[in-house]
Amino acid sequence: MTHLWVRAESRANEDRVGITPDGVARLLGDGFRVTVEDSARRIIPIEEYRKAGAEIAPEGAWPDAPDEAIVFGLKELPEDGSPLRHRHIMFGHAFKGQPDGQILLARFARGEGQLFDLEYLVDEHGRRLAAFGYWAGYAGAAVSLKCWVAQQRGGICQAVHAYPDKEGMTTDLRAQLDASGRPRPRAIVIGAKGRVGSGAADLMTEMGVPVTRWDIEETAHGGPFPEILTHDIFINAILAQPGAPVFVPADAVAPGRSLTVIGDVACDPTSDFSPIKVYDCSTSWLEPALRVATQPPLDVMAIDNLPSMLPRESSLDYAAQLLPVLRQLPQIDQGPWARANAIFEEKVKELQT
C-alpha cells in the first residue's frame, strides 16, 4: 500500500497545500493510505481532510513517519541538518548549484533518502506536469506594481501579505494605483506565452497597464535588449538555465533608463545562469523590494513563494494538475517519478565526487 504523508509547511507565510480533500478521497479510493498533518495555517482546514478519510497526525510529525511513507510538502524543510531517510516530494531548489541546495542534497545522502523534486516532474517531452506558474506571475506582477506605487510616493515597497482571494488583491491594488495620481506605468513581460508570463500579463491588463509581451521569438538573438530599459516595469518569467540570455546586465543600474522596477518572478538570483545581473539575493514578504540604484531608483522584487499570496486559488489549481501524477505513485520506478529520481541520483553523485 502506498502511504502518502502530507506534512505541514514550516516556512513563514506559506499557507498552500498540494492536495485537496477531494484529492485525498481519490487516492484513498485507489487504495492509498493518506496521512495529513494538522496545521493552523493551511488554507484548507484539517477537518475537511478528516471528513475525506485521511488519518490526522500532529504538525511536524513527519520525521517519525513509517519508513515506507512518502513525505509530501511544497517548500523547504526545517534547516536542522538532520539526515533525511524518507522519500520526499517537494520543491527542493537543489539541482542548479544553489548553496543551500547542496546542503539539502548532503542530508539526503547521509540519510539515504530520496528527493522527488516537483519542478522536475515532467512528461516524456520534458514538459512540467504541474506548476504554480500562473499565480506566481499574477502575484509577482501585483507586488511589482506595489513597488512602482511606492516609488511614486518617494518611498520603497513595505511589507506585503496574503489575500483571501484574487478579487481582494485586485481591488486593493487598483485603489493604490488610482491614489498615486499618475498614469499607469508601461510594463514588459518576457516569457509571456508561458504560465508565469501569462499570469503576469493578465494582472497587468486587469489593472489597465499597457503590456509588451515578449517570448522566444523576440529574445532568440541573445541580446543585448535595450528595449527593456525603455519600460517602467520588467517582469522576468524565464527560468535560469544554461543558455539563458542576459536581459538586465550589471551596468543597467546607470542613469538614462525608464526602468525602475524589476519583478524577477523566476527568482533564482544565486544561479550562474540568472538573466538579471543587478542583484544576488531574494527579497521577502517583510522587505519585498531591494533597491539596487537610486538615480533614478531601481527596485528588484524577487520573492520566491509568490503564489502563497493567493493560497486558495494557487492550491486548488496546482492540486488539480498534480493529482493525476500522485495517482501514479504506486509505479514510482516508472514515468515521471523515475525521471525525477534519475536527476536526483545524478546530482547526489556529483556532490560525492
Protein backbone atom coordinates (compact mmCIF):
# COMPACT_ATOMS: atom_id res chain seq x y z
CA MET A 1 0.00 0.00 0.00
CA THR A 2 1.40 3.40 -1.00
CA HIS A 3 1.45 5.70 2.04
CA LEU A 4 1.41 9.44 1.28
CA TRP A 5 2.23 11.66 4.27
CA VAL A 6 1.18 15.29 3.72
CA ARG A 7 3.34 17.39 6.03
CA ALA A 8 2.53 20.84 7.41
CA GLU A 9 4.58 23.66 5.91
CA SER A 10 7.14 25.14 8.28
CA ARG A 11 8.01 28.24 6.28
CA ALA A 12 6.52 31.57 7.33
CA ASN A 13 3.78 32.93 5.04
CA GLU A 14 3.21 29.52 3.47
CA ASP A 15 -0.45 28.54 3.59
CA ARG A 16 -0.63 26.48 0.39
CA VAL A 17 -1.13 22.75 0.08
CA GLY A 18 -0.54 20.39 -2.82
CA ILE A 19 -3.59 18.17 -2.42
CA THR A 20 -7.22 18.90 -1.63
CA PRO A 21 -9.62 16.79 0.45
CA ASP A 22 -11.23 15.62 -2.81
CA GLY A 23 -7.78 14.54 -3.97
CA VAL A 24 -7.26 12.62 -0.74
CA ALA A 25 -10.57 10.84 -1.29
CA ARG A 26 -9.46 9.87 -4.81
CA LEU A 27 -6.19 8.43 -3.52
CA LEU A 28 -7.98 6.50 -0.79
CA GLY A 29 -10.28 5.09 -3.45
CA ASP A 30 -7.17 3.98 -5.35
CA GLY A 31 -6.00 2.03 -2.31
CA PHE A 32 -3.55 4.57 -0.87
CA ARG A 33 -3.03 5.23 2.79
CA VAL A 34 -3.03 9.03 3.38
CA THR A 35 -1.88 10.87 6.49
CA VAL A 36 -2.29 14.66 6.73
CA GLU A 37 -0.53 16.66 9.44
CA ASP A 38 -2.52 19.20 11.36
CA SER A 39 -1.81 22.85 10.54
CA ALA A 40 -3.35 26.02 11.89
CA ARG A 41 -2.23 27.95 8.80
CA ARG A 42 -3.11 25.72 5.86
CA ILE A 43 -5.70 27.40 3.63
CA ILE A 44 -7.89 24.27 3.74
CA PRO A 45 -8.99 23.32 7.28
CA ILE A 46 -7.84 19.99 8.68
CA GLU A 47 -11.44 18.93 9.37
CA GLU A 48 -12.07 18.74 5.63
CA TYR A 49 -9.24 16.23 5.28
CA ARG A 50 -10.57 14.26 8.24
CA LYS A 51 -14.01 14.09 6.61
CA ALA A 52 -12.37 12.88 3.38
CA GLY A 53 -10.95 9.91 5.32
CA ALA A 54 -7.34 10.93 5.91
CA GLU A 55 -5.51 9.91 9.05
CA ILE A 56 -4.51 13.02 11.02
CA ALA A 57 -1.06 13.46 12.57
CA PRO A 58 0.36 16.28 14.70
CA GLU A 59 2.09 19.14 12.93
CA GLY A 60 5.76 18.37 12.28
CA ALA A 61 5.45 14.64 12.96
CA TRP A 62 6.88 13.54 9.59
CA PRO A 63 10.40 12.66 10.89
CA ASP A 64 8.74 9.81 12.83
CA ALA A 65 6.62 8.63 9.90
CA PRO A 66 6.99 4.97 8.91
CA ASP A 67 9.98 4.24 6.71
CA GLU A 68 7.82 3.45 3.71
CA ALA A 69 5.87 6.74 3.88
CA ILE A 70 6.39 9.25 1.07
CA VAL A 71 6.52 12.69 2.68
CA PHE A 72 4.81 15.36 0.56
CA GLY A 73 5.17 19.11 1.07
CA LEU A 74 5.80 22.17 -1.04
CA LYS A 75 8.54 24.36 0.40
CA GLU A 76 11.69 23.91 2.46
CA LEU A 77 12.19 21.52 5.32
CA PRO A 78 13.47 22.86 8.66
CA GLU A 79 17.20 23.54 8.24
CA ASP A 80 18.36 21.48 11.20
CA GLY A 81 20.99 19.47 9.33
CA SER A 82 19.42 16.13 10.16
CA PRO A 83 19.86 13.18 7.77
CA LEU A 84 16.78 12.55 5.61
CA ARG A 85 15.77 8.90 5.38
CA HIS A 86 12.35 9.16 3.75
CA ARG A 87 11.34 9.67 0.18
CA HIS A 88 10.32 13.34 -0.08
CA ILE A 89 8.22 15.17 -2.66
CA MET A 90 8.76 18.96 -2.62
CA PHE A 91 10.39 21.89 -4.36
CA GLY A 92 13.99 21.30 -3.34
CA HIS A 93 15.76 24.07 -5.32
CA ALA A 94 18.83 21.85 -5.17
CA PHE A 95 19.74 20.91 -8.73
CA LYS A 96 21.20 24.15 -10.12
CA GLY A 97 24.18 24.51 -7.83
CA GLN A 98 22.40 26.59 -5.18
CA PRO A 99 24.46 26.64 -1.95
CA ASP A 100 21.50 25.72 0.26
CA GLY A 101 20.61 23.01 -2.22
CA GLN A 102 23.98 21.35 -1.79
CA ILE A 103 23.37 21.20 1.95
CA LEU A 104 19.97 19.61 1.35
CA LEU A 105 21.41 17.01 -1.02
CA ALA A 106 24.05 16.13 1.57
CA ARG A 107 21.30 15.49 4.13
CA PHE A 108 19.62 13.08 1.71
CA ALA A 109 22.93 11.36 1.02
CA ARG A 110 23.59 10.86 4.75
CA GLY A 111 20.12 9.52 5.46
CA GLU A 112 19.86 7.51 2.21
CA GLY A 113 16.55 9.16 1.42
CA GLN A 114 15.30 10.38 -1.95
CA LEU A 115 14.08 13.72 -3.30
CA PHE A 116 11.43 13.79 -5.99
CA ASP A 117 11.57 17.47 -6.92
CA LEU A 118 8.20 18.83 -8.04
CA GLU A 119 9.92 21.12 -10.54
CA TYR A 120 11.30 18.04 -12.33
CA LEU A 121 8.11 16.02 -12.65
CA VAL A 122 7.93 16.13 -16.43
CA ASP A 123 6.43 14.16 -19.28
CA GLU A 124 8.45 12.28 -21.87
CA HIS A 125 8.98 15.54 -23.77
CA GLY A 126 10.34 17.41 -20.74
CA ARG A 127 7.20 19.47 -20.08
CA ARG A 128 6.24 20.21 -16.47
CA LEU A 129 3.22 18.22 -15.37
CA ALA A 130 2.16 20.63 -12.62
CA ALA A 131 3.21 24.18 -11.83
CA PHE A 132 2.20 27.17 -9.73
CA GLY A 133 3.44 29.42 -12.51
CA TYR A 134 0.26 31.29 -13.40
CA TRP A 135 -0.39 32.51 -9.87
CA ALA A 136 3.30 33.24 -9.31
CA GLY A 137 3.18 35.55 -12.30
CA TYR A 138 -0.11 37.08 -11.23
CA ALA A 139 1.05 37.83 -7.69
CA GLY A 140 4.53 38.86 -8.85
CA ALA A 141 3.09 41.45 -11.20
CA ALA A 142 0.90 42.76 -8.37
CA VAL A 143 3.85 43.20 -6.00
CA SER A 144 5.89 44.81 -8.78
CA LEU A 145 3.11 47.37 -9.24
CA LYS A 146 3.11 47.97 -5.49
CA CYS A 147 6.84 48.70 -5.78
CA TRP A 148 6.16 51.22 -8.55
CA VAL A 149 3.41 52.91 -6.50
CA ALA A 150 5.76 53.22 -3.52
CA GLN A 151 8.33 54.90 -5.77
CA GLN A 152 5.75 57.47 -6.90
CA ARG A 153 5.32 58.36 -3.23
CA GLY A 154 9.08 58.76 -2.78
CA GLY A 155 9.50 55.52 -0.83
CA ILE A 156 10.09 51.81 -1.17
CA CYS A 157 7.55 49.00 -1.00
CA GLN A 158 6.67 47.93 2.51
CA ALA A 159 5.58 44.51 3.78
CA VAL A 160 3.05 42.54 1.74
CA HIS A 161 0.55 39.94 2.86
CA ALA A 162 -1.71 37.16 1.63
CA TYR A 163 -5.21 37.82 0.33
CA PRO A 164 -8.31 35.66 0.80
CA ASP A 165 -8.84 35.65 -2.97
CA LYS A 166 -7.74 37.42 -6.14
CA GLU A 167 -10.63 39.86 -6.01
CA GLY A 168 -9.31 41.16 -2.70
CA MET A 169 -5.86 41.59 -4.24
CA THR A 170 -7.03 43.38 -7.38
CA THR A 171 -9.39 45.69 -5.50
CA ASP A 172 -6.61 46.75 -3.15
CA LEU A 173 -4.07 47.19 -5.93
CA ARG A 174 -6.37 49.20 -8.17
CA ALA A 175 -7.07 51.59 -5.30
CA GLN A 176 -3.33 52.07 -4.73
CA LEU A 177 -2.69 52.76 -8.41
CA ASP A 178 -5.55 55.25 -8.61
CA ALA A 179 -4.41 57.00 -5.43
CA SER A 180 -0.93 57.55 -6.91
CA GLY A 181 -2.41 60.15 -9.25
CA ARG A 182 -0.04 59.00 -12.04
CA PRO A 183 -0.75 57.48 -15.44
CA ARG A 184 -0.34 53.74 -15.49
CA PRO A 185 3.29 52.60 -15.99
CA ARG A 186 4.45 50.66 -19.05
CA ALA A 187 5.43 47.04 -18.50
CA ILE A 188 7.26 44.37 -20.45
CA VAL A 189 6.84 40.66 -19.71
CA ILE A 190 9.43 38.21 -21.06
CA GLY A 191 8.16 34.66 -21.25
CA ALA A 192 4.65 35.93 -21.91
CA LYS A 193 3.47 32.73 -23.60
CA GLY A 194 4.24 30.57 -20.58
CA ARG A 195 2.23 30.07 -17.39
CA VAL A 196 4.20 32.61 -15.35
CA GLY A 197 4.21 35.22 -18.07
CA SER A 198 0.54 34.84 -18.89
CA GLY A 199 -0.37 35.31 -15.22
CA ALA A 200 1.76 38.45 -15.03
CA ALA A 201 0.35 39.87 -18.26
CA ASP A 202 -3.23 39.12 -17.18
CA LEU A 203 -2.77 41.01 -13.90
CA MET A 204 -1.24 43.98 -15.69
CA THR A 205 -4.09 44.05 -18.19
CA GLU A 206 -6.69 43.89 -15.42
CA MET A 207 -5.00 46.92 -13.84
CA GLY A 208 -5.06 48.89 -17.10
CA VAL A 209 -1.27 48.69 -17.53
CA PRO A 210 -0.02 48.60 -21.15
CA VAL A 211 2.00 45.38 -21.60
CA THR A 212 4.67 44.48 -24.14
CA ARG A 213 4.66 40.68 -24.43
CA TRP A 214 7.91 39.01 -25.43
CA ASP A 215 8.74 35.36 -25.77
CA ILE A 216 11.34 33.24 -27.50
CA GLU A 217 10.89 34.93 -30.87
CA GLU A 218 11.88 38.33 -29.50
CA THR A 219 14.80 37.04 -27.41
CA ALA A 220 16.28 34.41 -29.75
CA HIS A 221 19.05 36.75 -30.94
CA GLY A 222 20.58 36.57 -27.45
CA GLY A 223 20.82 40.27 -26.67
CA PRO A 224 21.53 42.90 -25.74
CA PHE A 225 17.95 44.07 -25.09
CA PRO A 226 17.90 47.87 -24.70
CA GLU A 227 14.11 47.85 -25.17
CA ILE A 228 13.72 46.53 -21.63
CA LEU A 229 15.20 49.73 -20.20
CA THR A 230 12.59 51.84 -22.02
CA HIS A 231 9.76 50.33 -19.96
CA ASP A 232 8.91 51.27 -16.37
CA ILE A 233 8.49 47.68 -15.16
CA PHE A 234 10.12 44.47 -16.36
CA ILE A 235 8.70 41.07 -15.35
CA ASN A 236 11.05 38.13 -15.86
CA ALA A 237 9.21 34.85 -16.37
CA ILE A 238 12.16 32.89 -17.80
CA LEU A 239 13.88 30.26 -15.66
CA ALA A 240 17.60 30.48 -15.06
CA GLN A 241 19.19 27.71 -17.12
CA PRO A 242 22.21 27.15 -19.34
CA GLY A 243 21.95 29.26 -22.47
CA ALA A 244 19.53 31.78 -20.97
CA PRO A 245 20.30 35.28 -22.33
CA VAL A 246 21.09 38.17 -20.01
CA PHE A 247 18.13 40.54 -20.01
CA VAL A 248 19.44 43.06 -17.47
CA PRO A 249 23.24 43.35 -17.34
CA ALA A 250 25.10 44.67 -14.30
CA ASP A 251 25.59 48.11 -15.91
CA ALA A 252 21.83 48.62 -16.30
CA VAL A 253 21.80 50.46 -12.96
CA ALA A 254 23.26 53.53 -14.72
CA PRO A 255 21.09 56.63 -15.34
CA GLY A 256 19.36 57.12 -18.67
CA ARG A 257 16.72 54.41 -18.27
CA SER A 258 12.99 54.43 -17.73
CA LEU A 259 13.12 51.09 -15.93
CA THR A 260 12.56 51.46 -12.18
CA VAL A 261 11.10 48.07 -11.16
CA ILE A 262 12.23 44.54 -11.98
CA GLY A 263 9.91 41.74 -10.95
CA ASP A 264 12.03 38.59 -11.12
CA VAL A 265 9.25 36.07 -10.72
CA ALA A 266 11.51 33.19 -11.79
CA CYS A 267 13.71 34.24 -8.85
CA ASP A 268 16.96 32.30 -8.99
CA PRO A 269 19.49 35.04 -8.13
CA THR A 270 22.27 32.74 -6.92
CA SER A 271 22.36 30.75 -10.15
CA ASP A 272 25.17 31.46 -12.58
CA PHE A 273 22.52 31.41 -15.29
CA SER A 274 20.31 34.15 -13.85
CA PRO A 275 19.28 36.55 -16.65
CA ILE A 276 19.26 39.52 -14.24
CA LYS A 277 22.71 40.61 -13.10
CA VAL A 278 21.93 43.61 -10.89
CA TYR A 279 21.18 41.64 -7.70
CA ASP A 280 22.17 38.41 -5.96
CA CYS A 281 19.65 37.66 -3.21
CA SER A 282 15.92 37.03 -2.86
CA THR A 283 13.56 39.51 -1.26
CA SER A 284 10.86 38.71 1.29
CA TRP A 285 7.31 39.48 2.33
CA LEU A 286 8.63 41.83 5.01
CA GLU A 287 11.02 43.57 2.59
CA PRO A 288 9.67 42.96 -0.91
CA ALA A 289 11.97 45.38 -2.75
CA LEU A 290 15.75 45.53 -2.96
CA ARG A 291 16.97 48.95 -4.13
CA VAL A 292 19.98 48.47 -6.41
CA ALA A 293 20.21 52.03 -7.78
CA THR A 294 18.98 55.45 -6.70
CA GLN A 295 19.26 57.87 -9.65
CA PRO A 296 16.60 57.07 -10.75
CA PRO A 297 15.56 54.33 -8.32
CA LEU A 298 15.70 50.73 -9.45
CA ASP A 299 14.00 48.19 -7.21
CA VAL A 300 14.09 44.42 -7.63
CA MET A 301 11.21 42.28 -6.39
CA ALA A 302 12.34 38.63 -6.05
CA ILE A 303 10.06 36.79 -3.63
CA ASP A 304 10.34 33.04 -4.09
CA ASN A 305 6.91 31.95 -2.82
CA LEU A 306 4.65 34.42 -4.60
CA PRO A 307 1.71 32.05 -5.14
CA SER A 308 1.29 31.98 -1.35
CA MET A 309 -0.18 35.46 -1.58
CA LEU A 310 -3.20 33.80 -3.19
CA PRO A 311 -3.13 30.47 -1.35
CA ARG A 312 -6.65 29.34 -2.22
CA GLU A 313 -6.53 29.86 -5.97
CA SER A 314 -2.98 28.60 -6.29
CA SER A 315 -3.59 25.49 -4.16
CA LEU A 316 -6.75 24.46 -5.99
CA ASP A 317 -5.14 24.99 -9.39
CA TYR A 318 -1.91 23.16 -8.55
CA ALA A 319 -3.60 20.26 -6.77
CA ALA A 320 -5.82 19.63 -9.78
CA GLN A 321 -2.76 19.48 -12.05
CA LEU A 322 -0.74 17.26 -9.71
CA LEU A 323 -3.37 14.71 -8.69
CA PRO A 324 -3.03 12.51 -11.82
CA VAL A 325 0.73 12.36 -11.17
CA LEU A 326 0.25 11.47 -7.49
CA ARG A 327 -2.04 8.65 -8.55
CA GLN A 328 0.97 7.15 -10.39
CA LEU A 329 3.00 6.81 -7.16
CA PRO A 330 2.44 3.04 -6.93
CA GLN A 331 4.60 2.93 -10.10
CA ILE A 332 7.26 5.21 -8.58
CA ASP A 333 10.01 3.47 -10.55
CA GLN A 334 8.37 4.42 -13.85
CA GLY A 335 7.31 7.51 -15.79
CA PRO A 336 7.68 11.00 -14.29
CA TRP A 337 8.71 9.72 -10.87
CA ALA A 338 11.56 7.70 -12.36
CA ARG A 339 12.68 10.71 -14.43
CA ALA A 340 12.71 12.92 -11.34
CA ASN A 341 14.65 10.34 -9.35
CA ALA A 342 17.24 9.98 -12.11
CA ILE A 343 18.05 13.70 -11.82
CA PHE A 344 18.30 13.41 -8.04
CA GLU A 345 20.66 10.43 -8.27
CA GLU A 346 22.83 12.30 -10.77
CA LYS A 347 23.11 15.36 -8.53
CA VAL A 348 23.92 13.30 -5.43
CA LYS A 349 26.66 11.51 -7.37
CA GLU A 350 28.10 14.86 -8.47
CA LEU A 351 28.07 16.02 -4.85
CA GLN A 352 30.02 12.97 -3.73
CA THR A 353 32.72 13.19 -6.42
